[in-house]
Amino acid sequence: MTDYPAMHDLGRIDVVALYETPILSRDVALDVDAVQAAWPEFEGAFDSLQGRKMMGLIYGGSTVYRLASVRLDRDSDNPLGLDETTIPGGDYLRLRLRGDAPDIYEQISAAFDALFALADHDANRPHIESYRREGEVDCLVPIGSPS
C-alpha cells in the first residue's frame, strides 16, 4: 500500500477513519443532471443549513446517488419524511479539493479516479462527496485497514 499522506496534482491524499454516522437521505438517479437538479430542493427542505454536513454517497456499481445530511438533534421527528440510514465507519482514502465553485465540482470525478487508482476499495461501503464548506469538498473512497 502507498504511504500516506501522498500528493496528487489535485491535492493531498490521506487515510482517515470515519465513525458510523446517522443520516437523513433521499435517493436520485446517478445522472449528473438529476443530481444537480436534486440538490437545491434537498437543501431547501431543511429549516436551516447551519450545522449541517451535506454529502453525496454512491455505492459500488450503483445507479443511485444518495443525497445526505448528517442527522442533527433537531431532526428527531424527521418532519421531512426522509430516509434514515447510516454511513458506515472505517478507513477511507481522502482527497480534499479546494477552489472556487463551479470549477471545484468539475474536479470531483478526477479526484475519485485518482483515489480508485490507489485504493483496494471496499465495495460494500459508499464512496462519499463531503461538502465541507463553499470551495471545499472531501472525496472519500472506503478501503480496508491500512497495513
N, C-alpha and C. Protein backbone atom coordinates (compact mmCIF):
# COMPACT_ATOMS: atom_id res chain seq x y z
N MET A 1 0.85 -1.18 0.00
CA MET A 1 0.00 0.00 0.00
C MET A 1 0.89 1.24 0.00
N THR A 2 0.44 2.27 -0.67
CA THR A 2 1.16 3.54 -0.73
C THR A 2 1.26 4.15 0.66
N ASP A 3 2.36 4.85 0.92
CA ASP A 3 2.48 5.58 2.17
C ASP A 3 1.66 6.86 2.08
N TYR A 4 1.01 7.21 3.19
CA TYR A 4 0.18 8.42 3.22
C TYR A 4 0.66 9.31 4.34
N PRO A 5 0.59 10.60 4.19
CA PRO A 5 -0.05 11.30 3.08
C PRO A 5 0.76 11.18 1.79
N ALA A 6 0.05 11.28 0.69
CA ALA A 6 0.64 11.27 -0.65
C ALA A 6 0.14 12.51 -1.38
N MET A 7 0.91 13.00 -2.32
CA MET A 7 0.49 14.18 -3.07
C MET A 7 0.01 13.78 -4.46
N HIS A 8 -1.01 14.48 -4.90
CA HIS A 8 -1.57 14.34 -6.25
C HIS A 8 -1.73 15.74 -6.80
N ASP A 9 -1.82 15.87 -8.11
CA ASP A 9 -2.00 17.20 -8.72
C ASP A 9 -3.21 17.94 -8.14
N LEU A 10 -4.23 17.20 -7.73
CA LEU A 10 -5.44 17.83 -7.20
C LEU A 10 -5.36 18.15 -5.71
N GLY A 11 -4.39 17.55 -5.01
CA GLY A 11 -4.27 17.81 -3.58
C GLY A 11 -3.65 16.64 -2.84
N ARG A 12 -3.64 16.75 -1.54
CA ARG A 12 -3.04 15.74 -0.67
C ARG A 12 -4.02 14.60 -0.42
N ILE A 13 -3.49 13.37 -0.41
CA ILE A 13 -4.30 12.19 -0.14
C ILE A 13 -3.89 11.63 1.21
N ASP A 14 -4.88 11.44 2.07
CA ASP A 14 -4.66 10.90 3.41
C ASP A 14 -5.56 9.71 3.64
N VAL A 15 -5.24 8.92 4.66
CA VAL A 15 -6.15 7.91 5.18
C VAL A 15 -6.82 8.51 6.40
N VAL A 16 -8.15 8.47 6.42
CA VAL A 16 -8.90 8.99 7.57
C VAL A 16 -9.86 7.91 8.06
N ALA A 17 -10.13 7.92 9.34
CA ALA A 17 -11.09 6.98 9.93
C ALA A 17 -12.39 7.73 10.18
N LEU A 18 -13.49 7.18 9.67
CA LEU A 18 -14.81 7.76 9.91
C LEU A 18 -15.57 6.86 10.87
N TYR A 19 -16.40 7.48 11.69
CA TYR A 19 -17.30 6.74 12.57
C TYR A 19 -18.62 6.51 11.85
N GLU A 20 -19.32 5.45 12.22
CA GLU A 20 -20.66 5.23 11.68
C GLU A 20 -21.48 6.47 12.03
N THR A 21 -22.17 7.03 11.03
CA THR A 21 -22.85 8.30 11.20
C THR A 21 -24.30 8.21 10.72
N PRO A 22 -25.27 8.53 11.61
CA PRO A 22 -26.67 8.54 11.17
C PRO A 22 -26.93 9.71 10.21
N ILE A 23 -27.70 9.42 9.16
CA ILE A 23 -28.02 10.46 8.18
C ILE A 23 -29.50 10.42 7.80
N LEU A 24 -29.94 11.55 7.26
CA LEU A 24 -31.22 11.65 6.57
C LEU A 24 -30.88 11.75 5.09
N SER A 25 -31.61 11.02 4.25
CA SER A 25 -31.20 10.98 2.85
C SER A 25 -32.38 10.86 1.90
N ARG A 26 -32.05 11.07 0.64
CA ARG A 26 -33.00 10.89 -0.46
C ARG A 26 -32.20 10.39 -1.65
N ASP A 27 -32.70 9.37 -2.32
CA ASP A 27 -32.01 8.79 -3.47
C ASP A 27 -32.54 9.37 -4.78
N VAL A 28 -31.60 9.60 -5.71
CA VAL A 28 -31.95 10.03 -7.06
C VAL A 28 -31.11 9.21 -8.04
N ALA A 29 -31.45 9.28 -9.30
CA ALA A 29 -30.69 8.57 -10.32
C ALA A 29 -29.26 9.11 -10.37
N LEU A 30 -28.32 8.21 -10.58
CA LEU A 30 -26.91 8.60 -10.71
C LEU A 30 -26.68 9.13 -12.12
N ASP A 31 -27.07 10.38 -12.28
CA ASP A 31 -27.01 11.09 -13.55
C ASP A 31 -26.69 12.54 -13.19
N VAL A 32 -25.69 13.12 -13.82
CA VAL A 32 -25.23 14.46 -13.45
C VAL A 32 -26.38 15.46 -13.43
N ASP A 33 -27.22 15.46 -14.45
CA ASP A 33 -28.33 16.43 -14.50
C ASP A 33 -29.32 16.19 -13.36
N ALA A 34 -29.64 14.92 -13.08
CA ALA A 34 -30.59 14.60 -12.00
C ALA A 34 -30.02 15.00 -10.65
N VAL A 35 -28.74 14.74 -10.44
CA VAL A 35 -28.09 15.09 -9.16
C VAL A 35 -28.07 16.60 -8.98
N GLN A 36 -27.64 17.32 -10.00
CA GLN A 36 -27.59 18.79 -9.91
C GLN A 36 -28.96 19.39 -9.67
N ALA A 37 -29.98 18.82 -10.26
CA ALA A 37 -31.34 19.33 -10.07
C ALA A 37 -31.87 19.01 -8.68
N ALA A 38 -31.45 17.90 -8.09
CA ALA A 38 -31.98 17.46 -6.80
C ALA A 38 -31.40 18.21 -5.60
N TRP A 39 -30.16 18.68 -5.70
CA TRP A 39 -29.52 19.32 -4.54
C TRP A 39 -30.28 20.54 -4.01
N PRO A 40 -30.66 21.50 -4.84
CA PRO A 40 -31.34 22.69 -4.29
C PRO A 40 -32.63 22.34 -3.54
N GLU A 41 -33.41 21.41 -4.07
CA GLU A 41 -34.65 21.01 -3.40
C GLU A 41 -34.35 20.31 -2.07
N PHE A 42 -33.36 19.42 -2.08
CA PHE A 42 -32.98 18.69 -0.86
C PHE A 42 -32.52 19.67 0.22
N GLU A 43 -31.59 20.55 -0.12
CA GLU A 43 -31.08 21.52 0.86
C GLU A 43 -32.17 22.49 1.30
N GLY A 44 -33.02 22.90 0.36
CA GLY A 44 -34.06 23.87 0.68
C GLY A 44 -35.15 23.35 1.59
N ALA A 45 -35.28 22.05 1.72
CA ALA A 45 -36.32 21.47 2.57
C ALA A 45 -35.99 21.58 4.06
N PHE A 46 -34.72 21.74 4.39
CA PHE A 46 -34.33 21.83 5.80
C PHE A 46 -34.65 23.20 6.38
N ASP A 47 -34.87 23.24 7.70
CA ASP A 47 -35.16 24.50 8.37
C ASP A 47 -33.99 25.48 8.24
N SER A 48 -32.78 24.95 8.22
CA SER A 48 -31.57 25.76 8.09
C SER A 48 -30.44 24.82 7.70
N LEU A 49 -29.44 25.36 7.02
CA LEU A 49 -28.26 24.56 6.70
C LEU A 49 -27.18 24.73 7.76
N GLN A 50 -27.42 25.61 8.72
CA GLN A 50 -26.44 25.83 9.78
C GLN A 50 -26.23 24.53 10.57
N GLY A 51 -24.97 24.15 10.70
CA GLY A 51 -24.62 22.94 11.43
C GLY A 51 -24.75 21.66 10.63
N ARG A 52 -25.24 21.75 9.42
CA ARG A 52 -25.44 20.56 8.58
C ARG A 52 -24.15 20.17 7.87
N LYS A 53 -23.97 18.89 7.70
CA LYS A 53 -22.91 18.36 6.85
C LYS A 53 -23.62 17.64 5.71
N MET A 54 -23.45 18.17 4.51
CA MET A 54 -24.11 17.61 3.33
C MET A 54 -23.14 16.72 2.58
N MET A 55 -23.66 15.58 2.10
CA MET A 55 -22.83 14.61 1.40
C MET A 55 -23.60 13.94 0.28
N GLY A 56 -22.86 13.43 -0.67
CA GLY A 56 -23.40 12.56 -1.69
C GLY A 56 -22.72 11.21 -1.55
N LEU A 57 -23.50 10.13 -1.58
CA LEU A 57 -22.97 8.78 -1.42
C LEU A 57 -23.29 7.94 -2.65
N ILE A 58 -22.32 7.16 -3.09
CA ILE A 58 -22.51 6.27 -4.21
C ILE A 58 -21.95 4.91 -3.81
N TYR A 59 -22.78 3.89 -3.91
CA TYR A 59 -22.34 2.54 -3.62
C TYR A 59 -21.84 1.89 -4.90
N GLY A 60 -20.80 1.06 -4.77
CA GLY A 60 -20.16 0.42 -5.93
C GLY A 60 -21.15 -0.19 -6.89
N GLY A 61 -21.02 0.17 -8.16
CA GLY A 61 -21.87 -0.39 -9.20
C GLY A 61 -23.30 0.10 -9.17
N SER A 62 -23.59 1.03 -8.29
CA SER A 62 -24.97 1.51 -8.13
C SER A 62 -25.36 2.48 -9.23
N THR A 63 -26.65 2.56 -9.45
CA THR A 63 -27.20 3.56 -10.36
C THR A 63 -27.89 4.65 -9.56
N VAL A 64 -27.64 4.65 -8.22
CA VAL A 64 -28.31 5.56 -7.31
C VAL A 64 -27.29 6.49 -6.65
N TYR A 65 -27.65 7.76 -6.58
CA TYR A 65 -26.88 8.77 -5.86
C TYR A 65 -27.70 9.14 -4.63
N ARG A 66 -27.11 9.04 -3.45
CA ARG A 66 -27.82 9.33 -2.20
C ARG A 66 -27.41 10.71 -1.69
N LEU A 67 -28.36 11.67 -1.75
CA LEU A 67 -28.15 12.98 -1.14
C LEU A 67 -28.33 12.79 0.36
N ALA A 68 -27.41 13.32 1.16
CA ALA A 68 -27.47 13.04 2.59
C ALA A 68 -27.07 14.24 3.43
N SER A 69 -27.66 14.28 4.62
CA SER A 69 -27.29 15.24 5.65
C SER A 69 -27.10 14.46 6.94
N VAL A 70 -26.02 14.77 7.65
CA VAL A 70 -25.84 14.15 8.96
C VAL A 70 -27.06 14.52 9.81
N ARG A 71 -27.59 13.54 10.48
CA ARG A 71 -28.77 13.75 11.32
C ARG A 71 -28.39 14.59 12.54
N LEU A 72 -29.15 15.66 12.76
CA LEU A 72 -28.92 16.55 13.90
C LEU A 72 -29.99 16.32 14.97
N ASP A 73 -29.73 16.76 16.18
CA ASP A 73 -30.71 16.62 17.26
C ASP A 73 -32.07 17.20 16.88
N ARG A 74 -32.05 18.31 16.16
CA ARG A 74 -33.32 18.96 15.79
C ARG A 74 -34.10 18.19 14.73
N ASP A 75 -33.51 17.10 14.21
CA ASP A 75 -34.18 16.25 13.23
C ASP A 75 -34.89 15.07 13.87
N SER A 76 -35.04 15.07 15.18
CA SER A 76 -35.53 13.88 15.88
C SER A 76 -36.87 13.37 15.35
N ASP A 77 -37.75 14.26 14.93
CA ASP A 77 -39.05 13.83 14.41
C ASP A 77 -39.05 13.55 12.92
N ASN A 78 -37.95 13.88 12.23
CA ASN A 78 -37.83 13.70 10.78
C ASN A 78 -39.08 14.24 10.06
N PRO A 79 -39.38 15.53 10.27
CA PRO A 79 -40.60 16.10 9.69
C PRO A 79 -40.62 16.08 8.15
N LEU A 80 -39.47 15.91 7.52
CA LEU A 80 -39.42 15.90 6.06
C LEU A 80 -39.68 14.51 5.48
N GLY A 81 -39.77 13.52 6.35
CA GLY A 81 -40.03 12.16 5.89
C GLY A 81 -38.91 11.58 5.03
N LEU A 82 -37.67 11.98 5.30
CA LEU A 82 -36.53 11.47 4.53
C LEU A 82 -36.17 10.07 5.00
N ASP A 83 -35.43 9.36 4.15
CA ASP A 83 -34.93 8.05 4.54
C ASP A 83 -33.93 8.22 5.68
N GLU A 84 -33.93 7.28 6.60
CA GLU A 84 -32.99 7.30 7.71
C GLU A 84 -32.07 6.11 7.58
N THR A 85 -30.78 6.37 7.53
CA THR A 85 -29.79 5.31 7.38
C THR A 85 -28.49 5.75 8.04
N THR A 86 -27.43 5.03 7.81
CA THR A 86 -26.13 5.41 8.37
C THR A 86 -25.06 5.32 7.29
N ILE A 87 -24.03 6.12 7.49
CA ILE A 87 -22.82 5.99 6.68
C ILE A 87 -21.91 5.05 7.46
N PRO A 88 -21.48 3.96 6.83
CA PRO A 88 -20.61 3.02 7.54
C PRO A 88 -19.27 3.66 7.91
N GLY A 89 -18.80 3.33 9.09
CA GLY A 89 -17.49 3.80 9.53
C GLY A 89 -16.38 2.98 8.91
N GLY A 90 -15.16 3.35 9.24
CA GLY A 90 -13.98 2.62 8.77
C GLY A 90 -12.98 3.56 8.13
N ASP A 91 -11.97 2.98 7.53
CA ASP A 91 -10.91 3.76 6.89
C ASP A 91 -11.30 4.15 5.47
N TYR A 92 -10.97 5.38 5.13
CA TYR A 92 -11.24 5.93 3.79
C TYR A 92 -10.00 6.67 3.30
N LEU A 93 -9.73 6.59 2.01
CA LEU A 93 -8.76 7.49 1.40
C LEU A 93 -9.49 8.80 1.13
N ARG A 94 -8.84 9.92 1.48
CA ARG A 94 -9.47 11.23 1.29
C ARG A 94 -8.57 12.13 0.46
N LEU A 95 -9.19 12.75 -0.54
CA LEU A 95 -8.54 13.81 -1.30
C LEU A 95 -9.42 15.04 -1.12
N ARG A 96 -8.87 16.08 -0.51
CA ARG A 96 -9.64 17.31 -0.26
C ARG A 96 -9.40 18.29 -1.40
N LEU A 97 -10.49 18.64 -2.07
CA LEU A 97 -10.43 19.62 -3.15
C LEU A 97 -10.71 21.00 -2.59
N ARG A 98 -9.96 21.98 -3.06
CA ARG A 98 -10.19 23.37 -2.66
C ARG A 98 -10.19 24.23 -3.92
N GLY A 99 -11.13 25.16 -3.97
CA GLY A 99 -11.20 26.05 -5.13
C GLY A 99 -12.53 26.76 -5.18
N ASP A 100 -12.76 27.42 -6.28
CA ASP A 100 -13.98 28.19 -6.46
C ASP A 100 -15.03 27.36 -7.19
N ALA A 101 -16.28 27.56 -6.78
CA ALA A 101 -17.40 26.94 -7.49
C ALA A 101 -17.62 27.74 -8.78
N PRO A 102 -17.99 27.12 -9.85
CA PRO A 102 -18.30 25.70 -10.03
C PRO A 102 -17.09 24.86 -10.41
N ASP A 103 -15.91 25.48 -10.56
CA ASP A 103 -14.74 24.73 -11.03
C ASP A 103 -14.40 23.55 -10.12
N ILE A 104 -14.55 23.72 -8.83
CA ILE A 104 -14.21 22.64 -7.90
C ILE A 104 -15.07 21.39 -8.15
N TYR A 105 -16.33 21.59 -8.52
CA TYR A 105 -17.22 20.44 -8.75
C TYR A 105 -16.79 19.65 -9.99
N GLU A 106 -16.18 20.33 -10.93
CA GLU A 106 -15.71 19.66 -12.14
C GLU A 106 -14.49 18.78 -11.88
N GLN A 107 -13.86 18.92 -10.70
CA GLN A 107 -12.69 18.12 -10.35
C GLN A 107 -13.06 16.85 -9.58
N ILE A 108 -14.31 16.72 -9.16
CA ILE A 108 -14.71 15.58 -8.33
C ILE A 108 -14.48 14.25 -9.03
N SER A 109 -14.86 14.12 -10.27
CA SER A 109 -14.68 12.87 -11.00
C SER A 109 -13.20 12.49 -11.08
N ALA A 110 -12.35 13.45 -11.39
CA ALA A 110 -10.91 13.19 -11.48
C ALA A 110 -10.34 12.81 -10.12
N ALA A 111 -10.85 13.40 -9.06
CA ALA A 111 -10.38 13.05 -7.71
C ALA A 111 -10.72 11.60 -7.39
N PHE A 112 -11.95 11.17 -7.70
CA PHE A 112 -12.32 9.78 -7.46
C PHE A 112 -11.50 8.83 -8.34
N ASP A 113 -11.24 9.21 -9.58
CA ASP A 113 -10.39 8.37 -10.44
C ASP A 113 -9.02 8.17 -9.79
N ALA A 114 -8.44 9.23 -9.25
CA ALA A 114 -7.13 9.14 -8.60
C ALA A 114 -7.19 8.24 -7.37
N LEU A 115 -8.24 8.39 -6.56
CA LEU A 115 -8.37 7.58 -5.35
C LEU A 115 -8.59 6.10 -5.69
N PHE A 116 -9.45 5.81 -6.64
CA PHE A 116 -9.70 4.42 -7.02
C PHE A 116 -8.45 3.77 -7.62
N ALA A 117 -7.60 4.57 -8.29
CA ALA A 117 -6.36 4.03 -8.84
C ALA A 117 -5.41 3.58 -7.73
N LEU A 118 -5.50 4.20 -6.57
CA LEU A 118 -4.63 3.87 -5.44
C LEU A 118 -5.23 2.85 -4.49
N ALA A 119 -6.54 2.80 -4.43
CA ALA A 119 -7.22 2.07 -3.36
C ALA A 119 -7.60 0.66 -3.74
N ASP A 120 -7.45 -0.22 -2.76
CA ASP A 120 -8.10 -1.52 -2.82
C ASP A 120 -9.42 -1.26 -2.10
N HIS A 121 -10.38 -0.72 -2.83
CA HIS A 121 -11.58 -0.17 -2.18
C HIS A 121 -12.54 -1.26 -1.73
N ASP A 122 -13.30 -0.90 -0.72
CA ASP A 122 -14.32 -1.77 -0.14
C ASP A 122 -15.64 -1.44 -0.83
N ALA A 123 -16.08 -2.32 -1.72
CA ALA A 123 -17.30 -2.07 -2.50
C ALA A 123 -18.58 -2.18 -1.67
N ASN A 124 -18.48 -2.63 -0.42
CA ASN A 124 -19.66 -2.72 0.44
C ASN A 124 -19.98 -1.40 1.13
N ARG A 125 -19.08 -0.44 1.05
CA ARG A 125 -19.32 0.88 1.64
C ARG A 125 -19.31 1.91 0.52
N PRO A 126 -20.01 3.02 0.72
CA PRO A 126 -20.11 4.02 -0.36
C PRO A 126 -18.85 4.86 -0.50
N HIS A 127 -18.64 5.38 -1.70
CA HIS A 127 -17.68 6.47 -1.78
C HIS A 127 -18.49 7.75 -1.58
N ILE A 128 -17.83 8.77 -1.04
CA ILE A 128 -18.54 9.92 -0.48
C ILE A 128 -17.97 11.22 -1.01
N GLU A 129 -18.87 12.12 -1.39
CA GLU A 129 -18.54 13.53 -1.63
C GLU A 129 -19.02 14.26 -0.38
N SER A 130 -18.11 14.82 0.37
CA SER A 130 -18.49 15.53 1.59
C SER A 130 -18.26 17.02 1.38
N TYR A 131 -19.35 17.77 1.39
CA TYR A 131 -19.29 19.21 1.14
C TYR A 131 -19.03 19.93 2.45
N ARG A 132 -17.76 20.29 2.68
CA ARG A 132 -17.34 20.84 3.97
C ARG A 132 -17.75 22.31 4.12
N ARG A 133 -17.54 23.07 3.12
CA ARG A 133 -17.89 24.50 3.09
C ARG A 133 -17.76 24.94 1.65
N GLU A 134 -18.19 26.14 1.35
CA GLU A 134 -18.07 26.62 -0.02
C GLU A 134 -16.59 26.59 -0.43
N GLY A 135 -16.32 25.95 -1.55
CA GLY A 135 -14.96 25.89 -2.05
C GLY A 135 -14.13 24.75 -1.47
N GLU A 136 -14.77 23.81 -0.75
CA GLU A 136 -14.01 22.70 -0.17
C GLU A 136 -14.86 21.43 -0.16
N VAL A 137 -14.37 20.41 -0.86
CA VAL A 137 -15.07 19.13 -0.97
C VAL A 137 -14.08 18.01 -0.66
N ASP A 138 -14.47 17.12 0.25
CA ASP A 138 -13.68 15.92 0.50
C ASP A 138 -14.22 14.80 -0.36
N CYS A 139 -13.35 14.12 -1.10
CA CYS A 139 -13.71 12.93 -1.87
C CYS A 139 -13.12 11.76 -1.09
N LEU A 140 -13.98 10.80 -0.73
CA LEU A 140 -13.57 9.69 0.14
C LEU A 140 -13.90 8.35 -0.50
N VAL A 141 -12.93 7.44 -0.51
CA VAL A 141 -13.11 6.09 -1.03
C VAL A 141 -12.81 5.11 0.10
N PRO A 142 -13.74 4.20 0.40
CA PRO A 142 -13.54 3.26 1.51
C PRO A 142 -12.47 2.22 1.18
N ILE A 143 -11.62 1.96 2.15
CA ILE A 143 -10.56 0.97 1.99
C ILE A 143 -10.55 0.04 3.20
N GLY A 144 -9.86 -1.08 3.08
CA GLY A 144 -9.62 -1.92 4.23
C GLY A 144 -8.62 -1.21 5.13
N SER A 145 -8.43 -1.69 6.33
CA SER A 145 -7.47 -1.07 7.25
C SER A 145 -6.09 -1.07 6.60
N PRO A 146 -5.36 0.08 6.73
CA PRO A 146 -4.02 0.12 6.13
C PRO A 146 -3.10 -0.87 6.81
N SER A 147 -2.18 -1.46 6.04
CA SER A 147 -1.25 -2.42 6.62
C SER A 147 -0.09 -1.75 7.28
